[in-house]
Amino acid sequence: MRQLLNHISSNNFVEIWRPVLEYRKSTRKLTTDLIKNPYGQDWKQRFEQLRQETSQTKQEIHAVKIATRVQVTYST
């Protein structure tokens, strides 16, 4: 990487190579982020949280349906 930067700066190709450098910087940033936080860890945690919330919501809906049926049965 350092050789590429030296070559670019010495030959005044900065404008031509700017997209290449930006791509390289973004790739390096992504790689660093993936090393610090392996791919999927956040996703897995969030998915598990959503699964638990969905399960809880389903249980609450089921309880409301049962309570509604009981009220309808007693009121008729």
N, C-alpha and C. Protein backbone atom coordinates (compact mmCIF):
# COMPACT_ATOMS: atom_id res chain seq x y z
N MET A 1 0.83 -1.19 0.00
CA MET A 1 0.00 0.00 0.00
C MET A 1 0.87 1.25 0.00
N ARG A 2 1.90 1.23 0.82
CA ARG A 2 2.79 2.38 0.90
C ARG A 2 3.49 2.63 -0.43
N GLN A 3 3.85 1.55 -1.12
CA GLN A 3 4.49 1.70 -2.43
C GLN A 3 3.54 2.35 -3.42
N LEU A 4 2.30 1.95 -3.39
CA LEU A 4 1.31 2.54 -4.28
C LEU A 4 1.15 4.03 -4.00
N LEU A 5 1.08 4.39 -2.73
CA LEU A 5 0.96 5.80 -2.37
C LEU A 5 2.18 6.60 -2.83
N ASN A 6 3.36 6.03 -2.64
CA ASN A 6 4.58 6.71 -3.08
C ASN A 6 4.59 6.89 -4.59
N HIS A 7 4.20 5.88 -5.30
CA HIS A 7 4.17 5.95 -6.76
C HIS A 7 3.18 7.01 -7.24
N ILE A 8 2.03 7.02 -6.63
CA ILE A 8 1.01 7.99 -7.03
C ILE A 8 1.47 9.41 -6.75
N SER A 9 1.99 9.63 -5.56
CA SER A 9 2.40 10.99 -5.22
C SER A 9 3.60 11.46 -6.03
N SER A 10 4.50 10.56 -6.37
CA SER A 10 5.69 10.97 -7.13
C SER A 10 5.37 11.23 -8.60
N ASN A 11 4.33 10.61 -9.12
CA ASN A 11 4.01 10.76 -10.54
C ASN A 11 2.79 11.63 -10.81
N ASN A 12 2.30 12.29 -9.79
CA ASN A 12 1.15 13.19 -9.94
C ASN A 12 -0.08 12.51 -10.53
N PHE A 13 -0.32 11.28 -10.15
CA PHE A 13 -1.50 10.55 -10.61
C PHE A 13 -2.61 10.58 -9.55
N VAL A 14 -2.55 11.53 -8.67
CA VAL A 14 -3.49 11.58 -7.55
C VAL A 14 -4.94 11.63 -8.03
N GLU A 15 -5.22 12.47 -9.00
CA GLU A 15 -6.60 12.60 -9.47
C GLU A 15 -7.09 11.33 -10.15
N ILE A 16 -6.23 10.69 -10.89
CA ILE A 16 -6.62 9.47 -11.59
C ILE A 16 -6.85 8.34 -10.60
N TRP A 17 -6.00 8.26 -9.59
CA TRP A 17 -6.04 7.13 -8.67
C TRP A 17 -6.90 7.37 -7.43
N ARG A 18 -7.47 8.53 -7.30
CA ARG A 18 -8.27 8.83 -6.11
C ARG A 18 -9.38 7.78 -5.88
N PRO A 19 -10.13 7.37 -6.91
CA PRO A 19 -11.15 6.34 -6.67
C PRO A 19 -10.55 5.02 -6.17
N VAL A 20 -9.37 4.69 -6.68
CA VAL A 20 -8.70 3.46 -6.23
C VAL A 20 -8.32 3.59 -4.76
N LEU A 21 -7.79 4.73 -4.39
CA LEU A 21 -7.41 4.94 -3.00
C LEU A 21 -8.63 4.94 -2.08
N GLU A 22 -9.70 5.56 -2.51
CA GLU A 22 -10.92 5.58 -1.70
C GLU A 22 -11.47 4.17 -1.52
N TYR A 23 -11.42 3.39 -2.58
CA TYR A 23 -11.88 2.00 -2.49
C TYR A 23 -11.00 1.22 -1.52
N ARG A 24 -9.70 1.44 -1.61
CA ARG A 24 -8.75 0.75 -0.73
C ARG A 24 -8.98 1.15 0.72
N LYS A 25 -9.21 2.42 0.96
CA LYS A 25 -9.47 2.88 2.32
C LYS A 25 -10.75 2.27 2.88
N SER A 26 -11.79 2.23 2.06
CA SER A 26 -13.05 1.66 2.54
C SER A 26 -12.92 0.16 2.78
N THR A 27 -12.15 -0.52 1.94
CA THR A 27 -11.91 -1.95 2.13
C THR A 27 -11.14 -2.20 3.42
N ARG A 28 -10.14 -1.37 3.66
CA ARG A 28 -9.34 -1.51 4.87
C ARG A 28 -10.20 -1.25 6.11
N LYS A 29 -11.04 -0.23 6.04
CA LYS A 29 -11.92 0.09 7.16
C LYS A 29 -12.89 -1.06 7.44
N LEU A 30 -13.45 -1.62 6.37
CA LEU A 30 -14.37 -2.75 6.53
C LEU A 30 -13.65 -3.95 7.13
N THR A 31 -12.45 -4.23 6.64
CA THR A 31 -11.67 -5.36 7.16
C THR A 31 -11.38 -5.18 8.64
N THR A 32 -10.98 -3.99 9.02
CA THR A 32 -10.70 -3.70 10.42
C THR A 32 -11.96 -3.89 11.27
N ASP A 33 -13.08 -3.42 10.77
CA ASP A 33 -14.34 -3.56 11.49
C ASP A 33 -14.73 -5.03 11.63
N LEU A 34 -14.53 -5.80 10.57
CA LEU A 34 -14.88 -7.23 10.62
C LEU A 34 -13.99 -7.99 11.59
N ILE A 35 -12.74 -7.59 11.69
CA ILE A 35 -11.84 -8.26 12.63
C ILE A 35 -12.27 -7.95 14.06
N LYS A 36 -12.64 -6.70 14.31
CA LYS A 36 -13.08 -6.31 15.66
C LYS A 36 -14.43 -6.92 16.01
N ASN A 37 -15.31 -7.02 15.03
CA ASN A 37 -16.66 -7.53 15.26
C ASN A 37 -16.97 -8.53 14.16
N PRO A 38 -16.71 -9.81 14.38
CA PRO A 38 -16.90 -10.81 13.32
C PRO A 38 -18.29 -10.73 12.70
N TYR A 39 -18.32 -10.92 11.40
CA TYR A 39 -19.56 -10.83 10.64
C TYR A 39 -20.60 -11.74 11.23
N GLY A 40 -21.74 -11.19 11.45
CA GLY A 40 -22.85 -12.00 11.92
C GLY A 40 -23.11 -11.93 13.41
N GLN A 41 -22.14 -11.48 14.20
CA GLN A 41 -22.35 -11.45 15.64
C GLN A 41 -23.50 -10.50 16.00
N ASP A 42 -23.43 -9.28 15.52
CA ASP A 42 -24.51 -8.33 15.80
C ASP A 42 -25.82 -8.82 15.22
N TRP A 43 -25.75 -9.36 14.01
CA TRP A 43 -26.94 -9.85 13.34
C TRP A 43 -27.56 -10.99 14.13
N LYS A 44 -26.73 -11.91 14.60
CA LYS A 44 -27.25 -13.05 15.37
C LYS A 44 -27.90 -12.59 16.67
N GLN A 45 -27.26 -11.64 17.35
CA GLN A 45 -27.82 -11.14 18.60
C GLN A 45 -29.14 -10.43 18.35
N ARG A 46 -29.19 -9.61 17.33
CA ARG A 46 -30.42 -8.88 17.01
C ARG A 46 -31.53 -9.84 16.58
N PHE A 47 -31.16 -10.86 15.80
CA PHE A 47 -32.15 -11.85 15.38
C PHE A 47 -32.72 -12.59 16.58
N GLU A 48 -31.87 -12.96 17.52
CA GLU A 48 -32.34 -13.66 18.71
C GLU A 48 -33.27 -12.76 19.53
N GLN A 49 -32.92 -11.49 19.64
CA GLN A 49 -33.77 -10.54 20.35
C GLN A 49 -35.13 -10.42 19.67
N LEU A 50 -35.13 -10.30 18.35
CA LEU A 50 -36.40 -10.22 17.62
C LEU A 50 -37.22 -11.49 17.75
N ARG A 51 -36.55 -12.64 17.75
CA ARG A 51 -37.25 -13.92 17.91
C ARG A 51 -37.94 -13.97 19.27
N GLN A 52 -37.24 -13.54 20.31
CA GLN A 52 -37.83 -13.53 21.65
C GLN A 52 -39.00 -12.55 21.74
N GLU A 53 -38.83 -11.38 21.14
CA GLU A 53 -39.92 -10.39 21.15
C GLU A 53 -41.13 -10.92 20.38
N THR A 54 -40.90 -11.59 19.27
CA THR A 54 -41.99 -12.15 18.48
C THR A 54 -42.71 -13.24 19.26
N SER A 55 -41.94 -14.08 19.93
CA SER A 55 -42.53 -15.14 20.74
C SER A 55 -43.39 -14.55 21.86
N GLN A 56 -42.88 -13.53 22.52
CA GLN A 56 -43.63 -12.87 23.59
C GLN A 56 -44.91 -12.25 23.06
N THR A 57 -44.82 -11.61 21.91
CA THR A 57 -46.00 -10.99 21.30
C THR A 57 -47.04 -12.04 20.94
N LYS A 58 -46.61 -13.17 20.39
CA LYS A 58 -47.54 -14.25 20.06
C LYS A 58 -48.24 -14.77 21.31
N GLN A 59 -47.49 -14.91 22.40
CA GLN A 59 -48.09 -15.37 23.65
C GLN A 59 -49.12 -14.38 24.16
N GLU A 60 -48.80 -13.10 24.06
CA GLU A 60 -49.75 -12.07 24.50
C GLU A 60 -51.01 -12.07 23.64
N ILE A 61 -50.85 -12.23 22.34
CA ILE A 61 -52.01 -12.28 21.43
C ILE A 61 -52.87 -13.49 21.78
N HIS A 62 -52.22 -14.62 22.02
CA HIS A 62 -52.95 -15.84 22.38
C HIS A 62 -53.73 -15.63 23.69
N ALA A 63 -53.10 -14.98 24.66
CA ALA A 63 -53.77 -14.73 25.94
C ALA A 63 -54.96 -13.80 25.75
N VAL A 64 -54.84 -12.80 24.90
CA VAL A 64 -55.95 -11.89 24.63
C VAL A 64 -57.09 -12.64 23.95
N LYS A 65 -56.76 -13.52 23.00
CA LYS A 65 -57.80 -14.30 22.32
C LYS A 65 -58.55 -15.18 23.31
N ILE A 66 -57.81 -15.82 24.20
CA ILE A 66 -58.45 -16.68 25.20
C ILE A 66 -59.34 -15.85 26.12
N ALA A 67 -58.83 -14.72 26.57
CA ALA A 67 -59.62 -13.85 27.46
C ALA A 67 -60.86 -13.35 26.75
N THR A 68 -60.75 -13.03 25.48
CA THR A 68 -61.91 -12.56 24.71
C THR A 68 -62.93 -13.67 24.57
N ARG A 69 -62.49 -14.89 24.30
CA ARG A 69 -63.42 -16.02 24.18
C ARG A 69 -64.13 -16.29 25.49
N VAL A 70 -63.39 -16.19 26.59
CA VAL A 70 -64.00 -16.43 27.90
C VAL A 70 -65.05 -15.37 28.17
N GLN A 71 -64.78 -14.11 27.87
CA GLN A 71 -65.75 -13.05 28.09
C GLN A 71 -66.98 -13.24 27.22
N VAL A 72 -66.79 -13.65 25.98
CA VAL A 72 -67.91 -13.88 25.07
C VAL A 72 -68.75 -15.03 25.59
N THR A 73 -68.12 -16.09 26.08
CA THR A 73 -68.84 -17.26 26.59
C THR A 73 -69.66 -16.88 27.81
N TYR A 74 -69.09 -16.11 28.73
CA TYR A 74 -69.82 -15.72 29.93
C TYR A 74 -70.91 -14.71 29.65
N SER A 75 -70.75 -13.89 28.65
CA SER A 75 -71.75 -12.86 28.38
C SER A 75 -72.94 -13.39 27.60
N THR A 76 -72.84 -14.55 26.98
CA THR A 76 -73.97 -15.09 26.21
C THR A 76 -74.85 -15.96 27.01
